[in-house]
């Protein structure tokens, strides 16, 4: 999947998550540690849809973190889930497959 195939609203959500993580150093460090991405690789990784899907999935895997992001950015949890599916593509448990 190419970046141009991602709707603007999904891109905006991914950018919002990245911005939020950048302002949460402990959370960003945890995400980078779990993803294996080095801080020096972050700028390049942002252009990779798989990285962005992983970042959104990281947020969704821990409901308190998801809700903290949603509260801080006035974003609905469903918006994060939709953006994740746009980046990750269809899965066996989605109606899109």
PDB file of N, CA and C in Angstrom:
ATOM      1  N   UNK A   1       0.839  -1.169   0.000  1.00  0.00           N
ATOM      2  CA  UNK A   1       0.000   0.000   0.000  1.00  0.00           C
ATOM      3  C   UNK A   1       0.890   1.239   0.000  1.00  0.00           C
ATOM      4  N   UNK A   2       0.616   2.179  -0.877  1.00  0.00           N
ATOM      5  CA  UNK A   2       1.385   3.408  -0.967  1.00  0.00           C
ATOM      6  C   UNK A   2       0.727   4.473  -0.107  1.00  0.00           C
ATOM      7  N   UNK A   3       1.515   5.430   0.371  1.00  0.00           N
ATOM      8  CA  UNK A   3       0.976   6.502   1.194  1.00  0.00           C
ATOM      9  C   UNK A   3      -0.158   7.238   0.509  1.00  0.00           C
ATOM     10  N   UNK A   4      -0.096   7.394  -0.807  1.00  0.00           N
ATOM     11  CA  UNK A   4      -1.159   8.132  -1.484  1.00  0.00           C
ATOM     12  C   UNK A   4      -2.492   7.387  -1.452  1.00  0.00           C
ATOM     13  N   UNK A   5      -2.484   6.115  -1.082  1.00  0.00           N
ATOM     14  CA  UNK A   5      -3.708   5.336  -0.967  1.00  0.00           C
ATOM     15  C   UNK A   5      -4.386   5.532   0.389  1.00  0.00           C
ATOM     16  N   UNK A   6      -3.729   6.235   1.298  1.00  0.00           N
ATOM     17  CA  UNK A   6      -4.254   6.450   2.639  1.00  0.00           C
ATOM     18  C   UNK A   6      -5.084   7.732   2.639  1.00  0.00           C
ATOM     19  N   UNK A   7      -6.339   7.665   3.095  1.00  0.00           N
ATOM     20  CA  UNK A   7      -7.173   8.874   3.146  1.00  0.00           C
ATOM     21  C   UNK A   7      -6.568   9.930   4.073  1.00  0.00           C
ATOM     22  N   UNK A   8      -6.872  11.183   3.780  1.00  0.00           N
ATOM     23  CA  UNK A   8      -6.331  12.296   4.559  1.00  0.00           C
ATOM     24  C   UNK A   8      -6.701  12.196   6.040  1.00  0.00           C
ATOM     25  N   UNK A   9      -7.903  11.708   6.353  1.00  0.00           N
ATOM     26  CA  UNK A   9      -8.297  11.621   7.761  1.00  0.00           C
ATOM     27  C   UNK A   9      -7.462  10.587   8.512  1.00  0.00           C
ATOM     28  N   UNK A  10      -7.083   9.507   7.860  1.00  0.00           N
ATOM     29  CA  UNK A  10      -6.223   8.507   8.501  1.00  0.00           C
ATOM     30  C   UNK A  10      -4.821   9.077   8.700  1.00  0.00           C
ATOM     31  N   UNK A  11      -4.338   9.824   7.708  1.00  0.00           N
ATOM     32  CA  UNK A  11      -3.034  10.464   7.850  1.00  0.00           C
ATOM     33  C   UNK A  11      -3.049  11.474   8.991  1.00  0.00           C
ATOM     34  N   UNK A  12      -4.111  12.255   9.083  1.00  0.00           N
ATOM     35  CA  UNK A  12      -4.216  13.252  10.144  1.00  0.00           C
ATOM     36  C   UNK A  12      -4.230  12.581  11.516  1.00  0.00           C
ATOM     37  N   UNK A  13      -4.903  11.449  11.617  1.00  0.00           N
ATOM     38  CA  UNK A  13      -4.939  10.720  12.884  1.00  0.00           C
ATOM     39  C   UNK A  13      -3.557  10.194  13.231  1.00  0.00           C
ATOM     40  N   UNK A  14      -2.854   9.623  12.261  1.00  0.00           N
ATOM     41  CA  UNK A  14      -1.505   9.114  12.506  1.00  0.00           C
ATOM     42  C   UNK A  14      -0.564  10.243  12.923  1.00  0.00           C
ATOM     43  N   UNK A  15      -0.673  11.393  12.284  1.00  0.00           N
ATOM     44  CA  UNK A  15       0.158  12.545  12.636  1.00  0.00           C
ATOM     45  C   UNK A  15      -0.167  13.010  14.057  1.00  0.00           C
ATOM     46  N   UNK A  16      -1.455  13.008  14.405  1.00  0.00           N
ATOM     47  CA  UNK A  16      -1.856  13.413  15.754  1.00  0.00           C
ATOM     48  C   UNK A  16      -1.287  12.458  16.801  1.00  0.00           C
ATOM     49  N   UNK A  17      -1.316  11.162  16.521  1.00  0.00           N
ATOM     50  CA  UNK A  17      -0.753  10.175  17.452  1.00  0.00           C
ATOM     51  C   UNK A  17       0.745  10.394  17.592  1.00  0.00           C
ATOM     52  N   UNK A  18       1.429  10.590  16.483  1.00  0.00           N
ATOM     53  CA  UNK A  18       2.867  10.813  16.529  1.00  0.00           C
ATOM     54  C   UNK A  18       3.196  12.074  17.322  1.00  0.00           C
ATOM     55  N   UNK A  19       2.444  13.135  17.093  1.00  0.00           N
ATOM     56  CA  UNK A  19       2.651  14.378  17.838  1.00  0.00           C
ATOM     57  C   UNK A  19       2.409  14.195  19.322  1.00  0.00           C
ATOM     58  N   UNK A  20       1.368  13.449  19.644  1.00  0.00           N
ATOM     59  CA  UNK A  20       1.063  13.188  21.047  1.00  0.00           C
ATOM     60  C   UNK A  20       2.172  12.369  21.694  1.00  0.00           C
ATOM     61  N   UNK A  21       2.621  11.323  20.999  1.00  0.00           N
ATOM     62  CA  UNK A  21       3.716  10.511  21.531  1.00  0.00           C
ATOM     63  C   UNK A  21       4.982  11.344  21.728  1.00  0.00           C
ATOM     64  N   UNK A  22       5.239  12.264  20.815  1.00  0.00           N
ATOM     65  CA  UNK A  22       6.437  13.104  20.933  1.00  0.00           C
ATOM     66  C   UNK A  22       6.405  13.951  22.197  1.00  0.00           C
ATOM     67  N   UNK A  23       5.207  14.250  22.677  1.00  0.00           N
ATOM     68  CA  UNK A  23       5.064  15.031  23.903  1.00  0.00           C
ATOM     69  C   UNK A  23       4.910  14.163  25.142  1.00  0.00           C
ATOM     70  N   UNK A  24       5.006  12.865  24.975  1.00  0.00           N
ATOM     71  CA  UNK A  24       4.931  11.901  26.079  1.00  0.00           C
ATOM     72  C   UNK A  24       6.203  11.056  26.032  1.00  0.00           C
ATOM     73  N   UNK A  25       7.328  11.583  26.514  1.00  0.00           N
ATOM     74  CA  UNK A  25       8.619  10.905  26.360  1.00  0.00           C
ATOM     75  C   UNK A  25       8.654   9.462  26.856  1.00  0.00           C
ATOM     76  N   UNK A  26       8.018   9.183  27.979  1.00  0.00           N
ATOM     77  CA  UNK A  26       8.019   7.798  28.488  1.00  0.00           C
ATOM     78  C   UNK A  26       7.265   6.870  27.546  1.00  0.00           C
ATOM     79  N   UNK A  27       6.140   7.334  27.044  1.00  0.00           N
ATOM     80  CA  UNK A  27       5.334   6.526  26.127  1.00  0.00           C
ATOM     81  C   UNK A  27       6.063   6.340  24.800  1.00  0.00           C
ATOM     82  N   UNK A  28       6.698   7.397  24.305  1.00  0.00           N
ATOM     83  CA  UNK A  28       7.450   7.297  23.061  1.00  0.00           C
ATOM     84  C   UNK A  28       8.604   6.317  23.225  1.00  0.00           C
ATOM     85  N   UNK A  29       9.305   6.391  24.336  1.00  0.00           N
ATOM     86  CA  UNK A  29      10.414   5.456  24.587  1.00  0.00           C
ATOM     87  C   UNK A  29       9.914   4.024  24.617  1.00  0.00           C
ATOM     88  N   UNK A  30       8.775   3.814  25.245  1.00  0.00           N
ATOM     89  CA  UNK A  30       8.197   2.461  25.310  1.00  0.00           C
ATOM     90  C   UNK A  30       7.832   1.971  23.911  1.00  0.00           C
ATOM     91  N   UNK A  31       7.188   2.833  23.126  1.00  0.00           N
ATOM     92  CA  UNK A  31       6.824   2.451  21.767  1.00  0.00           C
ATOM     93  C   UNK A  31       8.063   2.116  20.942  1.00  0.00           C
ATOM     94  N   UNK A  32       9.079   2.965  21.012  1.00  0.00           N
ATOM     95  CA  UNK A  32      10.297   2.712  20.237  1.00  0.00           C
ATOM     96  C   UNK A  32      10.962   1.411  20.662  1.00  0.00           C
ATOM     97  N   UNK A  33      10.976   1.150  21.968  1.00  0.00           N
ATOM     98  CA  UNK A  33      11.572  -0.092  22.461  1.00  0.00           C
ATOM     99  C   UNK A  33      10.806  -1.306  21.948  1.00  0.00           C
ATOM    100  N   UNK A  34       9.490  -1.232  21.972  1.00  0.00           N
ATOM    101  CA  UNK A  34       8.669  -2.362  21.512  1.00  0.00           C
ATOM    102  C   UNK A  34       8.736  -2.541  19.992  1.00  0.00           C
ATOM    103  N   UNK A  35       8.853  -1.447  19.271  1.00  0.00           N
ATOM    104  CA  UNK A  35       8.868  -1.527  17.807  1.00  0.00           C
ATOM    105  C   UNK A  35      10.258  -1.852  17.255  1.00  0.00           C
ATOM    106  N   UNK A  36      11.279  -1.606  18.060  1.00  0.00           N
ATOM    107  CA  UNK A  36      12.646  -1.838  17.588  1.00  0.00           C
ATOM    108  C   UNK A  36      13.211  -0.695  16.772  1.00  0.00           C
ATOM    109  N   UNK A  37      12.468   0.377  16.650  1.00  0.00           N
ATOM    110  CA  UNK A  37      12.926   1.538  15.896  1.00  0.00           C
ATOM    111  C   UNK A  37      13.805   2.398  16.804  1.00  0.00           C
ATOM    112  N   UNK A  38      14.953   2.778  16.281  1.00  0.00           N
ATOM    113  CA  UNK A  38      15.856   3.656  17.014  1.00  0.00           C
ATOM    114  C   UNK A  38      15.407   5.107  16.815  1.00  0.00           C
ATOM    115  N   UNK A  39      15.632   5.965  17.804  1.00  0.00           N
ATOM    116  CA  UNK A  39      15.242   7.370  17.644  1.00  0.00           C
ATOM    117  C   UNK A  39      15.810   8.001  16.367  1.00  0.00           C
ATOM    118  N   UNK A  40      16.996   7.601  15.969  1.00  0.00           N
ATOM    119  CA  UNK A  40      17.602   8.154  14.755  1.00  0.00           C
ATOM    120  C   UNK A  40      16.894   7.673  13.483  1.00  0.00           C
ATOM    121  N   UNK A  41      16.131   6.606  13.582  1.00  0.00           N
ATOM    122  CA  UNK A  41      15.411   6.057  12.431  1.00  0.00           C
ATOM    123  C   UNK A  41      13.984   6.592  12.328  1.00  0.00           C
ATOM    124  N   UNK A  42      13.559   7.322  13.333  1.00  0.00           N
ATOM    125  CA  UNK A  42      12.162   7.750  13.427  1.00  0.00           C
ATOM    126  C   UNK A  42      11.721   8.583  12.229  1.00  0.00           C
ATOM    127  N   UNK A  43      12.536   9.514  11.814  1.00  0.00           N
ATOM    128  CA  UNK A  43      12.151  10.396  10.703  1.00  0.00           C
ATOM    129  C   UNK A  43      11.869   9.597   9.430  1.00  0.00           C
ATOM    130  N   UNK A  44      12.703   8.592   9.144  1.00  0.00           N
ATOM    131  CA  UNK A  44      12.485   7.745   7.969  1.00  0.00           C
ATOM    132  C   UNK A  44      11.280   6.833   8.156  1.00  0.00           C
ATOM    133  N   UNK A  45      11.117   6.315   9.357  1.00  0.00           N
ATOM    134  CA  UNK A  45      10.048   5.358   9.634  1.00  0.00           C
ATOM    135  C   UNK A  45       8.669   5.975   9.466  1.00  0.00           C
ATOM    136  N   UNK A  46       8.552   7.263   9.702  1.00  0.00           N
ATOM    137  CA  UNK A  46       7.256   7.936   9.614  1.00  0.00           C
ATOM    138  C   UNK A  46       6.652   7.822   8.222  1.00  0.00           C
ATOM    139  N   UNK A  47       7.461   7.655   7.205  1.00  0.00           N
ATOM    140  CA  UNK A  47       6.958   7.501   5.847  1.00  0.00           C
ATOM    141  C   UNK A  47       6.523   6.093   5.502  1.00  0.00           C
ATOM    142  N   UNK A  48       6.662   5.172   6.430  1.00  0.00           N
ATOM    143  CA  UNK A  48       6.336   3.760   6.197  1.00  0.00           C
ATOM    144  C   UNK A  48       4.952   3.433   6.755  1.00  0.00           C
ATOM    145  N   UNK A  49       3.998   3.077   5.896  1.00  0.00           N
ATOM    146  CA  UNK A  49       2.657   2.754   6.375  1.00  0.00           C
ATOM    147  C   UNK A  49       2.646   1.644   7.443  1.00  0.00           C
ATOM    148  N   UNK A  50       3.553   0.679   7.343  1.00  0.00           N
ATOM    149  CA  UNK A  50       3.606  -0.394   8.340  1.00  0.00           C
ATOM    150  C   UNK A  50       4.022   0.156   9.708  1.00  0.00           C
ATOM    151  N   UNK A  51       4.932   1.110   9.722  1.00  0.00           N
ATOM    152  CA  UNK A  51       5.330   1.747  10.977  1.00  0.00           C
ATOM    153  C   UNK A  51       4.144   2.476  11.588  1.00  0.00           C
ATOM    154  N   UNK A  52       3.423   3.228  10.765  1.00  0.00           N
ATOM    155  CA  UNK A  52       2.279   3.986  11.269  1.00  0.00           C
ATOM    156  C   UNK A  52       1.178   3.049  11.760  1.00  0.00           C
ATOM    157  N   UNK A  53       0.974   1.943  11.059  1.00  0.00           N
ATOM    158  CA  UNK A  53       0.003   0.945  11.529  1.00  0.00           C
ATOM    159  C   UNK A  53       0.431   0.405  12.891  1.00  0.00           C
ATOM    160  N   UNK A  54       1.723   0.130  13.044  1.00  0.00           N
ATOM    161  CA  UNK A  54       2.240  -0.364  14.316  1.00  0.00           C
ATOM    162  C   UNK A  54       2.074   0.651  15.428  1.00  0.00           C
ATOM    163  N   UNK A  55       2.275   1.919  15.109  1.00  0.00           N
ATOM    164  CA  UNK A  55       2.110   2.980  16.093  1.00  0.00           C
ATOM    165  C   UNK A  55       0.651   3.067  16.549  1.00  0.00           C
ATOM    166  N   UNK A  56      -0.268   2.997  15.595  1.00  0.00           N
ATOM    167  CA  UNK A  56      -1.693   3.026  15.936  1.00  0.00           C
ATOM    168  C   UNK A  56      -2.088   1.787  16.729  1.00  0.00           C
ATOM    169  N   UNK A  57      -1.552   0.643  16.343  1.00  0.00           N
ATOM    170  CA  UNK A  57      -1.841  -0.597  17.070  1.00  0.00           C
ATOM    171  C   UNK A  57      -1.309  -0.518  18.498  1.00  0.00           C
ATOM    172  N   UNK A  58      -0.126   0.038  18.674  1.00  0.00           N
ATOM    173  CA  UNK A  58       0.447   0.234  20.003  1.00  0.00           C
ATOM    174  C   UNK A  58      -0.532   1.008  20.884  1.00  0.00           C
ATOM    175  N   UNK A  59      -1.101   2.041  20.347  1.00  0.00           N
ATOM    176  CA  UNK A  59      -2.050   2.859  21.097  1.00  0.00           C
ATOM    177  C   UNK A  59      -3.302   2.053  21.435  1.00  0.00           C
ATOM    178  N   UNK A  60      -3.784   1.284  20.483  1.00  0.00           N
ATOM    179  CA  UNK A  60      -5.022   0.519  20.685  1.00  0.00           C
ATOM    180  C   UNK A  60      -4.850  -0.644  21.649  1.00  0.00           C
ATOM    181  N   UNK A  61      -3.634  -1.144  21.805  1.00  0.00           N
ATOM    182  CA  UNK A  61      -3.409  -2.322  22.642  1.00  0.00           C
ATOM    183  C   UNK A  61      -3.548  -2.040  24.134  1.00  0.00           C
ATOM    184  N   UNK A  62      -3.552  -0.780  24.519  1.00  0.00           N
ATOM    185  CA  UNK A  62      -3.651  -0.427  25.932  1.00  0.00           C
ATOM    186  C   UNK A  62      -4.728   0.642  26.078  1.00  0.00           C
ATOM    187  N   UNK A  63      -5.920   0.218  26.496  1.00  0.00           N
ATOM    188  CA  UNK A  63      -7.067   1.126  26.525  1.00  0.00           C
ATOM    189  C   UNK A  63      -6.816   2.408  27.318  1.00  0.00           C
ATOM    190  N   UNK A  64      -6.163   2.356  28.488  1.00  0.00           N
ATOM    191  CA  UNK A  64      -5.913   3.624  29.189  1.00  0.00           C
ATOM    192  C   UNK A  64      -5.065   4.598  28.363  1.00  0.00           C
ATOM    193  N   UNK A  65      -4.104   4.085  27.623  1.00  0.00           N
ATOM    194  CA  UNK A  65      -3.275   4.946  26.777  1.00  0.00           C
ATOM    195  C   UNK A  65      -4.100   5.498  25.620  1.00  0.00           C
ATOM    196  N   UNK A  66      -4.897   4.650  25.012  1.00  0.00           N
ATOM    197  CA  UNK A  66      -5.787   5.087  23.933  1.00  0.00           C
ATOM    198  C   UNK A  66      -6.703   6.199  24.428  1.00  0.00           C
ATOM    199  N   UNK A  67      -7.299   6.004  25.587  1.00  0.00           N
ATOM    200  CA  UNK A  67      -8.231   6.993  26.117  1.00  0.00           C
ATOM    201  C   UNK A  67      -7.505   8.292  26.504  1.00  0.00           C
ATOM    202  N   UNK A  68      -6.285   8.176  26.984  1.00  0.00           N
ATOM    203  CA  UNK A  68      -5.502   9.365  27.310  1.00  0.00           C
ATOM    204  C   UNK A  68      -5.245  10.186  26.039  1.00  0.00           C
ATOM    205  N   UNK A  69      -4.853   9.493  24.959  1.00  0.00           N
ATOM    206  CA  UNK A  69      -4.662  10.173  23.682  1.00  0.00           C
ATOM    207  C   UNK A  69      -5.962  10.814  23.221  1.00  0.00           C
ATOM    208  N   UNK A  70      -7.047  10.071  23.264  1.00  0.00           N
ATOM    209  CA  UNK A  70      -8.334  10.572  22.778  1.00  0.00           C
ATOM    210  C   UNK A  70      -8.792  11.795  23.563  1.00  0.00           C
ATOM    211  N   UNK A  71      -8.610  11.761  24.860  1.00  0.00           N
ATOM    212  CA  UNK A  71      -8.988  12.898  25.698  1.00  0.00           C
ATOM    213  C   UNK A  71      -8.117  14.111  25.380  1.00  0.00           C
ATOM    214  N   UNK A  72      -6.819  13.883  25.258  1.00  0.00           N
ATOM    215  CA  UNK A  72      -5.879  14.993  25.015  1.00  0.00           C
ATOM    216  C   UNK A  72      -6.089  15.641  23.651  1.00  0.00           C
ATOM    217  N   UNK A  73      -6.546  14.878  22.674  1.00  0.00           N
ATOM    218  CA  UNK A  73      -6.665  15.390  21.304  1.00  0.00           C
ATOM    219  C   UNK A  73      -8.102  15.524  20.823  1.00  0.00           C
ATOM    220  N   UNK A  74      -9.052  15.230  21.696  1.00  0.00           N
ATOM    221  CA  UNK A  74     -10.475  15.275  21.333  1.00  0.00           C
ATOM    222  C   UNK A  74     -10.750  14.405  20.104  1.00  0.00           C
ATOM    223  N   UNK A  75     -10.231  13.180  20.162  1.00  0.00           N
ATOM    224  CA  UNK A  75     -10.378  12.208  19.082  1.00  0.00           C
ATOM    225  C   UNK A  75     -11.202  11.029  19.590  1.00  0.00           C
ATOM    226  N   UNK A  76     -12.105  10.541  18.773  1.00  0.00           N
ATOM    227  CA  UNK A  76     -12.881   9.359  19.157  1.00  0.00           C
ATOM    228  C   UNK A  76     -12.016   8.115  18.993  1.00  0.00           C
ATOM    229  N   UNK A  77     -12.141   7.134  19.896  1.00  0.00           N
ATOM    230  CA  UNK A  77     -11.383   5.884  19.745  1.00  0.00           C
ATOM    231  C   UNK A  77     -11.636   5.217  18.400  1.00  0.00           C
ATOM    232  N   UNK A  78     -12.850   5.320  17.909  1.00  0.00           N
ATOM    233  CA  UNK A  78     -13.193   4.712  16.628  1.00  0.00           C
ATOM    234  C   UNK A  78     -12.371   5.307  15.481  1.00  0.00           C
ATOM    235  N   UNK A  79     -12.000   6.562  15.616  1.00  0.00           N
ATOM    236  CA  UNK A  79     -11.187   7.228  14.599  1.00  0.00           C
ATOM    237  C   UNK A  79      -9.804   6.594  14.534  1.00  0.00           C
ATOM    238  N   UNK A  80      -9.259   6.250  15.700  1.00  0.00           N
ATOM    239  CA  UNK A  80      -7.949   5.596  15.758  1.00  0.00           C
ATOM    240  C   UNK A  80      -8.043   4.209  15.128  1.00  0.00           C
ATOM    241  N   UNK A  81      -9.093   3.489  15.452  1.00  0.00           N
ATOM    242  CA  UNK A  81      -9.285   2.140  14.906  1.00  0.00           C
ATOM    243  C   UNK A  81      -9.428   2.205  13.385  1.00  0.00           C
ATOM    244  N   UNK A  82     -10.201   3.147  12.898  1.00  0.00           N
ATOM    245  CA  UNK A  82     -10.384   3.298  11.450  1.00  0.00           C
ATOM    246  C   UNK A  82      -9.057   3.619  10.765  1.00  0.00           C
ATOM    247  N   UNK A  83      -8.289   4.526  11.354  1.00  0.00           N
ATOM    248  CA  UNK A  83      -6.982   4.866  10.778  1.00  0.00           C
ATOM    249  C   UNK A  83      -6.076   3.640  10.760  1.00  0.00           C
ATOM    250  N   UNK A  84      -6.108   2.871  11.836  1.00  0.00           N
ATOM    251  CA  UNK A  84      -5.298   1.646  11.887  1.00  0.00           C
ATOM    252  C   UNK A  84      -5.658   0.722  10.722  1.00  0.00           C
ATOM    253  N   UNK A  85      -6.938   0.503  10.502  1.00  0.00           N
ATOM    254  CA  UNK A  85      -7.369  -0.396   9.424  1.00  0.00           C
ATOM    255  C   UNK A  85      -6.984   0.149   8.045  1.00  0.00           C
ATOM    256  N   UNK A  86      -6.954   1.463   7.906  1.00  0.00           N
ATOM    257  CA  UNK A  86      -6.540   2.062   6.630  1.00  0.00           C
ATOM    258  C   UNK A  86      -5.071   1.781   6.360  1.00  0.00           C
ATOM    259  N   UNK A  87      -4.250   1.803   7.421  1.00  0.00           N
ATOM    260  CA  UNK A  87      -2.812   1.551   7.251  1.00  0.00           C
ATOM    261  C   UNK A  87      -2.496   0.061   7.199  1.00  0.00           C
ATOM    262  N   UNK A  88      -3.171  -0.722   8.020  1.00  0.00           N
ATOM    263  CA  UNK A  88      -2.848  -2.146   8.120  1.00  0.00           C
ATOM    264  C   UNK A  88      -3.525  -2.974   7.037  1.00  0.00           C
ATOM    265  N   UNK A  89      -4.603  -2.468   6.478  1.00  0.00           N
ATOM    266  CA  UNK A  89      -5.336  -3.223   5.480  1.00  0.00           C
ATOM    267  C   UNK A  89      -6.313  -4.165   6.130  1.00  0.00           C
ATOM    268  N   UNK A  90      -7.060  -4.905   5.317  1.00  0.00           N
ATOM    269  CA  UNK A  90      -8.073  -5.817   5.866  1.00  0.00           C
ATOM    270  C   UNK A  90      -7.446  -6.973   6.626  1.00  0.00           C
ATOM    271  N   UNK A  91      -8.185  -7.483   7.594  1.00  0.00           N
ATOM    272  CA  UNK A  91      -7.738  -8.643   8.364  1.00  0.00           C
ATOM    273  C   UNK A  91      -8.839  -9.683   8.341  1.00  0.00           C
ATOM    274  N   UNK A  92      -8.516 -10.856   8.833  1.00  0.00           N
ATOM    275  CA  UNK A  92      -9.507 -11.936   8.829  1.00  0.00           C
ATOM    276  C   UNK A  92     -10.731 -11.609   9.661  1.00  0.00           C
ATOM    277  N   UNK A  93     -10.568 -10.790  10.697  1.00  0.00           N
ATOM    278  CA  UNK A  93     -11.706 -10.484  11.561  1.00  0.00           C
ATOM    279  C   UNK A  93     -12.444  -9.228  11.144  1.00  0.00           C
ATOM    280  N   UNK A  94     -12.091  -8.639   9.992  1.00  0.00           N
ATOM    281  CA  UNK A  94     -12.799  -7.452   9.525  1.00  0.00           C
ATOM    282  C   UNK A  94     -13.775  -7.844   8.418  1.00  0.00           C
ATOM    283  N   UNK A  95     -14.746  -7.008   8.219  1.00  0.00           N
ATOM    284  CA  UNK A  95     -15.721  -7.258   7.156  1.00  0.00           C
ATOM    285  C   UNK A  95     -15.152  -6.917   5.787  1.00  0.00           C
ATOM    286  N   UNK A  96     -13.963  -6.321   5.755  1.00  0.00           N
ATOM    287  CA  UNK A  96     -13.354  -5.893   4.488  1.00  0.00           C
ATOM    288  C   UNK A  96     -12.598  -7.003   3.790  1.00  0.00           C
ATOM    289  N   UNK A  97     -12.404  -8.134   4.438  1.00  0.00           N
ATOM    290  CA  UNK A  97     -11.577  -9.190   3.866  1.00  0.00           C
ATOM    291  C   UNK A  97     -12.398 -10.116   3.042  1.00  0.00           C
TER     292      UNK A  97
END
